C-alpha atoms as a PDB file:
ATOM      1  CA  UNK A   1      14.078 -53.173  67.306  1.00  0.00           C
ATOM      2  CA  UNK A   2      13.750 -54.777  63.858  1.00  0.00           C
ATOM      3  CA  UNK A   3      12.084 -51.648  62.525  1.00  0.00           C
ATOM      4  CA  UNK A   4      14.918 -49.529  63.891  1.00  0.00           C
ATOM      5  CA  UNK A   5      17.553 -51.742  62.255  1.00  0.00           C
ATOM      6  CA  UNK A   6      15.649 -51.657  58.975  1.00  0.00           C
ATOM      7  CA  UNK A   7      15.557 -47.887  59.140  1.00  0.00           C
ATOM      8  CA  UNK A   8      19.313 -47.758  59.720  1.00  0.00           C
ATOM      9  CA  UNK A   9      19.966 -50.033  56.738  1.00  0.00           C
ATOM     10  CA  UNK A  10      17.721 -47.991  54.452  1.00  0.00           C
ATOM     11  CA  UNK A  11      19.349 -44.754  55.625  1.00  0.00           C
ATOM     12  CA  UNK A  12      22.772 -46.222  54.971  1.00  0.00           C
ATOM     13  CA  UNK A  13      21.807 -47.259  51.462  1.00  0.00           C
ATOM     14  CA  UNK A  14      20.414 -43.812  50.733  1.00  0.00           C
ATOM     15  CA  UNK A  15      23.601 -42.181  52.023  1.00  0.00           C
ATOM     16  CA  UNK A  16      25.786 -44.472  49.915  1.00  0.00           C
ATOM     17  CA  UNK A  17      23.689 -43.750  46.850  1.00  0.00           C
ATOM     18  CA  UNK A  18      23.928 -39.997  47.404  1.00  0.00           C
ATOM     19  CA  UNK A  19      27.724 -40.132  47.698  1.00  0.00           C
ATOM     20  CA  UNK A  20      28.029 -42.202  44.530  1.00  0.00           C
ATOM     21  CA  UNK A  21      25.662 -39.907  42.680  1.00  0.00           C
ATOM     22  CA  UNK A  22      27.583 -36.834  43.838  1.00  0.00           C
ATOM     23  CA  UNK A  23      30.763 -37.926  42.042  1.00  0.00           C
ATOM     24  CA  UNK A  24      30.857 -36.324  38.611  1.00  0.00           C
ATOM     25  CA  UNK A  25      32.861 -38.346  36.090  1.00  0.00           C
ATOM     26  CA  UNK A  26      33.125 -35.164  34.017  1.00  0.00           C
ATOM     27  CA  UNK A  27      34.892 -33.292  36.794  1.00  0.00           C
ATOM     28  CA  UNK A  28      38.593 -33.755  36.005  1.00  0.00           C
ATOM     29  CA  UNK A  29      40.852 -33.137  38.990  1.00  0.00           C
ATOM     30  CA  UNK A  30      44.590 -32.472  38.888  1.00  0.00           C
ATOM     31  CA  UNK A  31      46.982 -32.432  41.830  1.00  0.00           C
ATOM     32  CA  UNK A  32      49.738 -29.796  41.797  1.00  0.00           C
ATOM     33  CA  UNK A  33      52.769 -29.722  44.058  1.00  0.00           C
ATOM     34  CA  UNK A  34      56.326 -28.454  44.217  1.00  0.00           C
ATOM     35  CA  UNK A  35      58.210 -25.387  45.366  1.00  0.00           C
ATOM     36  CA  UNK A  36      57.946 -21.664  44.651  1.00  0.00           C
ATOM     37  CA  UNK A  37      57.299 -21.744  40.907  1.00  0.00           C
ATOM     38  CA  UNK A  38      54.332 -24.083  41.423  1.00  0.00           C
ATOM     39  CA  UNK A  39      53.325 -22.119  44.507  1.00  0.00           C
ATOM     40  CA  UNK A  40      53.143 -19.059  42.253  1.00  0.00           C
ATOM     41  CA  UNK A  41      55.549 -16.122  42.220  1.00  0.00           C
ATOM     42  CA  UNK A  42      53.958 -14.144  39.386  1.00  0.00           C
ATOM     43  CA  UNK A  43      52.041 -10.948  40.082  1.00  0.00           C
ATOM     44  CA  UNK A  44      48.493 -11.473  38.839  1.00  0.00           C
ATOM     45  CA  UNK A  45      47.193  -8.775  36.512  1.00  0.00           C
ATOM     46  CA  UNK A  46      43.686  -7.645  35.562  1.00  0.00           C
ATOM     47  CA  UNK A  47      43.458 -10.174  32.729  1.00  0.00           C
ATOM     48  CA  UNK A  48      44.035 -12.994  35.222  1.00  0.00           C
ATOM     49  CA  UNK A  49      40.896 -12.181  37.217  1.00  0.00           C
ATOM     50  CA  UNK A  50      38.551 -13.355  34.454  1.00  0.00           C
ATOM     51  CA  UNK A  51      38.044 -17.114  34.861  1.00  0.00           C
ATOM     52  CA  UNK A  52      35.552 -19.576  33.398  1.00  0.00           C
ATOM     53  CA  UNK A  53      33.515 -21.011  36.298  1.00  0.00           C
ATOM     54  CA  UNK A  54      34.185 -24.488  34.883  1.00  0.00           C
ATOM     55  CA  UNK A  55      37.717 -24.095  36.238  1.00  0.00           C
ATOM     56  CA  UNK A  56      37.717 -24.667  39.999  1.00  0.00           C
ATOM     57  CA  UNK A  57      40.270 -24.753  42.809  1.00  0.00           C
ATOM     58  CA  UNK A  58      39.936 -26.595  46.089  1.00  0.00           C
ATOM     59  CA  UNK A  59      41.459 -24.436  48.800  1.00  0.00           C
ATOM     60  CA  UNK A  60      44.041 -26.425  50.748  1.00  0.00           C
ATOM     61  CA  UNK A  61      44.118 -23.842  53.564  1.00  0.00           C
ATOM     62  CA  UNK A  62      41.648 -21.465  55.184  1.00  0.00           C
ATOM     63  CA  UNK A  63      41.781 -17.994  53.608  1.00  0.00           C
ATOM     64  CA  UNK A  64      39.243 -15.786  55.439  1.00  0.00           C
ATOM     65  CA  UNK A  65      40.356 -12.714  53.500  1.00  0.00           C
ATOM     66  CA  UNK A  66      39.458 -14.460  50.247  1.00  0.00           C
ATOM     67  CA  UNK A  67      36.285 -15.998  51.620  1.00  0.00           C
ATOM     68  CA  UNK A  68      37.726 -19.491  51.198  1.00  0.00           C
ATOM     69  CA  UNK A  69      37.609 -22.492  53.520  1.00  0.00           C
ATOM     70  CA  UNK A  70      39.901 -25.493  53.430  1.00  0.00           C
ATOM     71  CA  UNK A  71      38.406 -28.367  51.469  1.00  0.00           C
ATOM     72  CA  UNK A  72      35.866 -26.325  49.502  1.00  0.00           C
ATOM     73  CA  UNK A  73      35.729 -25.567  45.777  1.00  0.00           C
ATOM     74  CA  UNK A  74      35.853 -22.050  44.307  1.00  0.00           C
ATOM     75  CA  UNK A  75      36.161 -20.488  40.862  1.00  0.00           C
ATOM     76  CA  UNK A  76      39.908 -20.569  40.184  1.00  0.00           C
ATOM     77  CA  UNK A  77      40.766 -16.888  40.475  1.00  0.00           C
ATOM     78  CA  UNK A  78      44.387 -16.580  41.642  1.00  0.00           C
ATOM     79  CA  UNK A  79      45.926 -17.273  44.082  1.00  0.00           C
ATOM     80  CA  UNK A  80      45.491 -21.024  43.718  1.00  0.00           C
ATOM     81  CA  UNK A  81      47.961 -22.143  46.381  1.00  0.00           C
ATOM     82  CA  UNK A  82      47.861 -20.303  49.705  1.00  0.00           C
ATOM     83  CA  UNK A  83      46.254 -16.993  50.624  1.00  0.00           C
ATOM     84  CA  UNK A  84      49.033 -14.652  49.477  1.00  0.00           C
ATOM     85  CA  UNK A  85      50.766 -16.587  46.722  1.00  0.00           C
ATOM     86  CA  UNK A  86      50.738 -15.475  43.084  1.00  0.00           C
ATOM     87  CA  UNK A  87      50.224 -16.654  39.528  1.00  0.00           C
ATOM     88  CA  UNK A  88      51.510 -20.176  38.835  1.00  0.00           C
ATOM     89  CA  UNK A  89      51.496 -22.720  35.978  1.00  0.00           C
ATOM     90  CA  UNK A  90      48.300 -24.186  37.468  1.00  0.00           C
ATOM     91  CA  UNK A  91      46.372 -21.031  36.508  1.00  0.00           C
ATOM     92  CA  UNK A  92      46.738 -21.221  32.750  1.00  0.00           C
ATOM     93  CA  UNK A  93      46.874 -24.990  32.819  1.00  0.00           C
ATOM     94  CA  UNK A  94      43.275 -25.018  34.013  1.00  0.00           C
ATOM     95  CA  UNK A  95      42.151 -22.220  31.712  1.00  0.00           C
ATOM     96  CA  UNK A  96      43.603 -23.946  28.672  1.00  0.00           C
ATOM     97  CA  UNK A  97      42.101 -27.268  29.695  1.00  0.00           C
ATOM     98  CA  UNK A  98      38.534 -25.946  29.914  1.00  0.00           C
ATOM     99  CA  UNK A  99      39.007 -24.059  26.624  1.00  0.00           C
ATOM    100  CA  UNK A 100      39.739 -27.337  24.883  1.00  0.00           C
ATOM    101  CA  UNK A 101      37.518 -29.831  26.698  1.00  0.00           C
ATOM    102  CA  UNK A 102      33.817 -30.455  26.019  1.00  0.00           C
ATOM    103  CA  UNK A 103      31.435 -27.997  27.711  1.00  0.00           C
ATOM    104  CA  UNK A 104      30.183 -30.734  30.040  1.00  0.00           C
ATOM    105  CA  UNK A 105      33.659 -31.178  31.525  1.00  0.00           C
ATOM    106  CA  UNK A 106      34.860 -29.162  34.501  1.00  0.00           C
ATOM    107  CA  UNK A 107      38.453 -28.941  35.724  1.00  0.00           C
ATOM    108  CA  UNK A 108      39.602 -28.722  39.327  1.00  0.00           C
ATOM    109  CA  UNK A 109      43.073 -28.234  40.774  1.00  0.00           C
ATOM    110  CA  UNK A 110      44.526 -28.711  44.239  1.00  0.00           C
ATOM    111  CA  UNK A 111      47.838 -26.927  44.780  1.00  0.00           C
ATOM    112  CA  UNK A 112      50.014 -27.751  47.794  1.00  0.00           C
ATOM    113  CA  UNK A 113      53.450 -26.187  47.341  1.00  0.00           C
ATOM    114  CA  UNK A 114      56.180 -24.681  49.515  1.00  0.00           C
ATOM    115  CA  UNK A 115      58.691 -22.109  48.272  1.00  0.00           C
ATOM    116  CA  UNK A 116      62.306 -23.200  48.619  1.00  0.00           C
ATOM    117  CA  UNK A 117      61.596 -26.796  49.603  1.00  0.00           C
ATOM    118  CA  UNK A 118      63.417 -29.882  48.434  1.00  0.00           C
ATOM    119  CA  UNK A 119      61.463 -32.832  47.058  1.00  0.00           C
ATOM    120  CA  UNK A 120      62.195 -34.542  50.372  1.00  0.00           C
ATOM    121  CA  UNK A 121      59.436 -32.466  51.982  1.00  0.00           C
ATOM    122  CA  UNK A 122      56.855 -34.607  50.127  1.00  0.00           C
ATOM    123  CA  UNK A 123      58.380 -37.952  51.161  1.00  0.00           C
ATOM    124  CA  UNK A 124      55.849 -39.094  53.749  1.00  0.00           C
ATOM    125  CA  UNK A 125      58.328 -41.389  55.487  1.00  0.00           C
ATOM    126  CA  UNK A 126      61.226 -38.943  55.756  1.00  0.00           C
ATOM    127  CA  UNK A 127      59.762 -35.418  55.689  1.00  0.00           C
ATOM    128  CA  UNK A 128      60.053 -34.900  59.440  1.00  0.00           C
ATOM    129  CA  UNK A 129      63.816 -35.351  59.344  1.00  0.00           C
ATOM    130  CA  UNK A 130      64.014 -32.883  56.458  1.00  0.00           C
ATOM    131  CA  UNK A 131      61.870 -30.296  58.263  1.00  0.00           C
ATOM    132  CA  UNK A 132      64.424 -30.205  61.068  1.00  0.00           C
ATOM    133  CA  UNK A 133      66.938 -28.771  58.582  1.00  0.00           C
ATOM    134  CA  UNK A 134      64.865 -25.968  57.022  1.00  0.00           C
ATOM    135  CA  UNK A 135      64.948 -22.231  57.718  1.00  0.00           C
ATOM    136  CA  UNK A 136      62.383 -20.638  60.072  1.00  0.00           C
ATOM    137  CA  UNK A 137      60.674 -18.743  57.223  1.00  0.00           C
ATOM    138  CA  UNK A 138      59.880 -22.032  55.517  1.00  0.00           C
ATOM    139  CA  UNK A 139      58.540 -23.519  58.742  1.00  0.00           C
ATOM    140  CA  UNK A 140      55.849 -20.862  58.805  1.00  0.00           C
ATOM    141  CA  UNK A 141      54.582 -22.000  55.400  1.00  0.00           C
ATOM    142  CA  UNK A 142      54.784 -25.660  56.359  1.00  0.00           C
ATOM    143  CA  UNK A 143      52.704 -24.957  59.468  1.00  0.00           C
ATOM    144  CA  UNK A 144      49.878 -23.745  57.233  1.00  0.00           C
ATOM    145  CA  UNK A 145      49.563 -27.389  56.189  1.00  0.00           C
ATOM    146  CA  UNK A 146      49.692 -28.552  59.815  1.00  0.00           C
ATOM    147  CA  UNK A 147      53.337 -29.478  59.361  1.00  0.00           C
ATOM    148  CA  UNK A 148      52.702 -32.089  56.661  1.00  0.00           C
ATOM    149  CA  UNK A 149      52.246 -30.803  53.069  1.00  0.00           C
ATOM    150  CA  UNK A 150      52.075 -34.297  51.593  1.00  0.00           C
ATOM    151  CA  UNK A 151      49.469 -35.308  54.138  1.00  0.00           C
ATOM    152  CA  UNK A 152      47.410 -32.212  53.308  1.00  0.00           C
ATOM    153  CA  UNK A 153      47.620 -32.961  49.583  1.00  0.00           C
ATOM    154  CA  UNK A 154      46.319 -36.484  50.171  1.00  0.00           C
ATOM    155  CA  UNK A 155      43.626 -35.227  52.555  1.00  0.00           C
ATOM    156  CA  UNK A 156      42.337 -32.743  49.992  1.00  0.00           C
ATOM    157  CA  UNK A 157      42.640 -35.269  47.151  1.00  0.00           C
ATOM    158  CA  UNK A 158      40.477 -37.780  49.017  1.00  0.00           C
ATOM    159  CA  UNK A 159      37.820 -35.111  49.497  1.00  0.00           C
ATOM    160  CA  UNK A 160      38.050 -34.231  45.816  1.00  0.00           C
ATOM    161  CA  UNK A 161      37.573 -37.858  44.804  1.00  0.00           C
ATOM    162  CA  UNK A 162      34.058 -37.653  46.229  1.00  0.00           C
ATOM    163  CA  UNK A 163      33.322 -34.931  43.677  1.00  0.00           C
ATOM    164  CA  UNK A 164      35.281 -35.976  40.617  1.00  0.00           C
ATOM    165  CA  UNK A 165      38.064 -38.093  39.163  1.00  0.00           C
ATOM    166  CA  UNK A 166      41.808 -37.478  39.535  1.00  0.00           C
ATOM    167  CA  UNK A 167      43.208 -37.401  36.004  1.00  0.00           C
ATOM    168  CA  UNK A 168      46.794 -36.265  36.458  1.00  0.00           C
ATOM    169  CA  UNK A 169      49.525 -34.699  38.555  1.00  0.00           C
ATOM    170  CA  UNK A 170      51.517 -31.529  37.887  1.00  0.00           C
ATOM    171  CA  UNK A 171      54.952 -31.061  39.446  1.00  0.00           C
ATOM    172  CA  UNK A 172      57.283 -28.105  39.397  1.00  0.00           C
ATOM    173  CA  UNK A 173      60.227 -28.620  41.692  1.00  0.00           C
ATOM    174  CA  UNK A 174      63.951 -29.008  41.357  1.00  0.00           C
ATOM    175  CA  UNK A 175      65.670 -25.701  42.050  1.00  0.00           C
ATOM    176  CA  UNK A 176      66.458 -26.747  45.623  1.00  0.00           C
ATOM    177  CA  UNK A 177      67.661 -30.154  44.391  1.00  0.00           C
ATOM    178  CA  UNK A 178      69.866 -28.770  41.619  1.00  0.00           C
ATOM    179  CA  UNK A 179      72.423 -31.356  40.460  1.00  0.00           C
ATOM    180  CA  UNK A 180      70.901 -34.027  42.718  1.00  0.00           C
ATOM    181  CA  UNK A 181      71.274 -37.165  40.605  1.00  0.00           C
ATOM    182  CA  UNK A 182      68.864 -39.041  42.889  1.00  0.00           C
ATOM    183  CA  UNK A 183      66.056 -36.543  42.238  1.00  0.00           C
ATOM    184  CA  UNK A 184      64.166 -38.759  39.792  1.00  0.00           C
ATOM    185  CA  UNK A 185      64.116 -41.628  42.281  1.00  0.00           C
ATOM    186  CA  UNK A 186      62.925 -39.295  45.024  1.00  0.00           C
ATOM    187  CA  UNK A 187      60.113 -38.044  42.787  1.00  0.00           C
ATOM    188  CA  UNK A 188      59.142 -41.653  42.075  1.00  0.00           C
ATOM    189  CA  UNK A 189      58.794 -42.322  45.810  1.00  0.00           C
ATOM    190  CA  UNK A 190      56.310 -39.440  46.082  1.00  0.00           C
ATOM    191  CA  UNK A 191      54.437 -40.470  42.927  1.00  0.00           C
ATOM    192  CA  UNK A 192      54.201 -44.108  44.014  1.00  0.00           C
ATOM    193  CA  UNK A 193      52.927 -43.068  47.431  1.00  0.00           C
ATOM    194  CA  UNK A 194      50.213 -40.917  45.829  1.00  0.00           C
ATOM    195  CA  UNK A 195      49.141 -43.805  43.641  1.00  0.00           C
ATOM    196  CA  UNK A 196      48.876 -46.105  46.663  1.00  0.00           C
ATOM    197  CA  UNK A 197      47.346 -43.646  49.124  1.00  0.00           C
ATOM    198  CA  UNK A 198      44.690 -42.490  46.643  1.00  0.00           C
ATOM    199  CA  UNK A 199      44.082 -45.898  45.060  1.00  0.00           C
ATOM    200  CA  UNK A 200      45.076 -44.616  41.623  1.00  0.00           C
ATOM    201  CA  UNK A 201      46.260 -46.545  38.580  1.00  0.00           C
ATOM    202  CA  UNK A 202      49.633 -45.146  37.422  1.00  0.00           C
ATOM    203  CA  UNK A 203      48.807 -46.119  33.851  1.00  0.00           C
ATOM    204  CA  UNK A 204      45.862 -43.726  33.972  1.00  0.00           C
ATOM    205  CA  UNK A 205      47.378 -40.869  35.974  1.00  0.00           C
ATOM    206  CA  UNK A 206      50.275 -39.158  34.169  1.00  0.00           C
ATOM    207  CA  UNK A 207      52.839 -37.002  35.943  1.00  0.00           C
ATOM    208  CA  UNK A 208      53.846 -33.789  34.178  1.00  0.00           C
ATOM    209  CA  UNK A 209      57.066 -32.205  35.416  1.00  0.00           C
ATOM    210  CA  UNK A 210      58.173 -28.779  34.262  1.00  0.00           C
ATOM    211  CA  UNK A 211      61.704 -27.637  33.631  1.00  0.00           C
ATOM    212  CA  UNK A 212      63.171 -24.916  35.835  1.00  0.00           C
ATOM    213  CA  UNK A 213      63.974 -21.512  34.259  1.00  0.00           C
ATOM    214  CA  UNK A 214      65.751 -22.356  31.026  1.00  0.00           C
ATOM    215  CA  UNK A 215      69.339 -21.526  30.118  1.00  0.00           C
ATOM    216  CA  UNK A 216      68.000 -19.324  27.324  1.00  0.00           C
ATOM    217  CA  UNK A 217      66.611 -17.009  30.027  1.00  0.00           C
ATOM    218  CA  UNK A 218      69.783 -17.171  32.121  1.00  0.00           C
ATOM    219  CA  UNK A 219      68.265 -19.603  34.618  1.00  0.00           C
ATOM    220  CA  UNK A 220      70.523 -19.954  37.650  1.00  0.00           C
ATOM    221  CA  UNK A 221      69.401 -23.571  38.163  1.00  0.00           C
ATOM    222  CA  UNK A 222      69.194 -24.466  34.470  1.00  0.00           C
ATOM    223  CA  UNK A 223      71.663 -27.341  34.891  1.00  0.00           C
ATOM    224  CA  UNK A 224      68.868 -29.193  36.718  1.00  0.00           C
ATOM    225  CA  UNK A 225      66.960 -29.515  33.457  1.00  0.00           C
ATOM    226  CA  UNK A 226      69.312 -32.262  32.301  1.00  0.00           C
ATOM    227  CA  UNK A 227      68.262 -34.340  35.307  1.00  0.00           C
ATOM    228  CA  UNK A 228      64.564 -33.495  34.946  1.00  0.00           C
ATOM    229  CA  UNK A 229      64.790 -34.670  31.319  1.00  0.00           C
ATOM    230  CA  UNK A 230      65.513 -38.211  32.516  1.00  0.00           C
ATOM    231  CA  UNK A 231      62.360 -38.540  34.647  1.00  0.00           C
ATOM    232  CA  UNK A 232      60.467 -40.646  32.051  1.00  0.00           C
ATOM    233  CA  UNK A 233      63.201 -43.260  32.404  1.00  0.00           C
ATOM    234  CA  UNK A 234      62.193 -43.702  36.059  1.00  0.00           C
ATOM    235  CA  UNK A 235      58.443 -43.039  35.860  1.00  0.00           C
ATOM    236  CA  UNK A 236      57.069 -44.459  32.581  1.00  0.00           C
ATOM    237  CA  UNK A 237      53.880 -42.370  32.544  1.00  0.00           C
ATOM    238  CA  UNK A 238      55.659 -39.048  33.034  1.00  0.00           C
ATOM    239  CA  UNK A 239      56.352 -36.166  30.685  1.00  0.00           C
ATOM    240  CA  UNK A 240      58.718 -33.210  30.826  1.00  0.00           C
ATOM    241  CA  UNK A 241      57.353 -29.756  30.000  1.00  0.00           C
ATOM    242  CA  UNK A 242      59.855 -27.417  28.354  1.00  0.00           C
ATOM    243  CA  UNK A 243      60.417 -23.969  29.848  1.00  0.00           C
ATOM    244  CA  UNK A 244      62.364 -22.777  26.814  1.00  0.00           C
ATOM    245  CA  UNK A 245      61.370 -19.241  25.891  1.00  0.00           C
ATOM    246  CA  UNK A 246      59.238 -18.698  29.001  1.00  0.00           C
ATOM    247  CA  UNK A 247      60.214 -15.239  30.335  1.00  0.00           C
ATOM    248  CA  UNK A 248      61.482 -15.056  33.888  1.00  0.00           C
ATOM    249  CA  UNK A 249      61.988 -12.422  36.558  1.00  0.00           C
ATOM    250  CA  UNK A 250      65.094 -10.510  37.563  1.00  0.00           C
ATOM    251  CA  UNK A 251      66.246 -13.271  39.905  1.00  0.00           C
ATOM    252  CA  UNK A 252      66.524 -15.742  36.983  1.00  0.00           C
ATOM    253  CA  UNK A 253      64.876 -18.262  39.287  1.00  0.00           C
ATOM    254  CA  UNK A 254      61.165 -17.509  38.992  1.00  0.00           C
ATOM    255  CA  UNK A 255      59.077 -16.959  35.896  1.00  0.00           C
ATOM    256  CA  UNK A 256      57.200 -13.704  35.440  1.00  0.00           C
ATOM    257  CA  UNK A 257      53.444 -13.520  34.813  1.00  0.00           C
ATOM    258  CA  UNK A 258      53.848 -13.952  31.060  1.00  0.00           C
ATOM    259  CA  UNK A 259      56.149 -16.903  31.647  1.00  0.00           C
ATOM    260  CA  UNK A 260      53.641 -18.616  33.930  1.00  0.00           C
ATOM    261  CA  UNK A 261      50.880 -18.158  31.364  1.00  0.00           C
ATOM    262  CA  UNK A 262      52.990 -19.709  28.617  1.00  0.00           C
ATOM    263  CA  UNK A 263      54.211 -22.506  30.859  1.00  0.00           C
ATOM    264  CA  UNK A 264      50.748 -23.370  32.141  1.00  0.00           C
ATOM    265  CA  UNK A 265      49.441 -23.653  28.581  1.00  0.00           C
ATOM    266  CA  UNK A 266      52.265 -26.039  27.753  1.00  0.00           C
ATOM    267  CA  UNK A 267      51.353 -28.258  30.699  1.00  0.00           C
ATOM    268  CA  UNK A 268      47.760 -28.287  29.444  1.00  0.00           C
ATOM    269  CA  UNK A 269      48.660 -28.979  25.839  1.00  0.00           C
ATOM    270  CA  UNK A 270      50.656 -32.037  26.893  1.00  0.00           C
ATOM    271  CA  UNK A 271      47.921 -33.250  29.249  1.00  0.00           C
ATOM    272  CA  UNK A 272      45.276 -32.832  26.542  1.00  0.00           C
ATOM    273  CA  UNK A 273      47.440 -34.760  24.106  1.00  0.00           C
ATOM    274  CA  UNK A 274      48.053 -37.580  26.580  1.00  0.00           C
ATOM    275  CA  UNK A 275      44.311 -37.763  27.299  1.00  0.00           C
ATOM    276  CA  UNK A 276      43.534 -37.996  23.583  1.00  0.00           C
ATOM    277  CA  UNK A 277      41.994 -34.550  23.051  1.00  0.00           C
ATOM    278  CA  UNK A 278      42.726 -32.307  20.110  1.00  0.00           C
ATOM    279  CA  UNK A 279      43.943 -28.837  20.986  1.00  0.00           C
ATOM    280  CA  UNK A 280      41.617 -26.140  19.734  1.00  0.00           C
ATOM    281  CA  UNK A 281      43.068 -23.108  21.486  1.00  0.00           C
ATOM    282  CA  UNK A 282      46.775 -22.520  21.949  1.00  0.00           C
ATOM    283  CA  UNK A 283      47.052 -18.729  22.133  1.00  0.00           C
END
């Protein structure tokens, strides 16, 4: 019996050591969430299929057609959200990050986003009440996350923490909350929950929030940018990413592929700056 117990203890120690060893401090992970612009509405082009293998995406859903399984890492060829989404800011965020970070550093993203949703969908205490109010087409997307997008984001993030270190959060949301003066407080609820549920230090995990399509592009929700601009007053370690000059599509609601590339680079440039890295490549 004593030999058996000793064997169990030794096995446990070996397992613990292997898990600790598996975590790569040079694997920088970023959580992405929001609505359709973070989900990705841009049509990927040939140039977008070439990706440095140092840039990885953890699939948050099963995508048999893409050969991807939920909870596994893959080279970050778009789509980075669900199986049939498009180009998003996360794409060129990651590409720009690896272009400017030391060769030993890898970058991973997890993107859980739902087109058309309000920020309330990511409030873990109130999302069920919100879901009762949404259109059937949105329910189908929510079901891909087993009815709980926030829960899926946390689930995937906890898996990712075994492999690397969460360094920041990217948000693009606001169109469906246009002119909602409580938006910043609602975002803070989500951010605070992520910090608690993932045991993260808010002083070390910045939140980057992008503007919606700018007035200079005729953005139909551009008035929301005035509210987004005040986010740092509510969340100290947050930064607003300008969408000025980023081309959009005909609906004046979503960016086009060029716009997503520009926008993603801006997210990365700010994150690199906050993390203390000099920007080498800004094309």
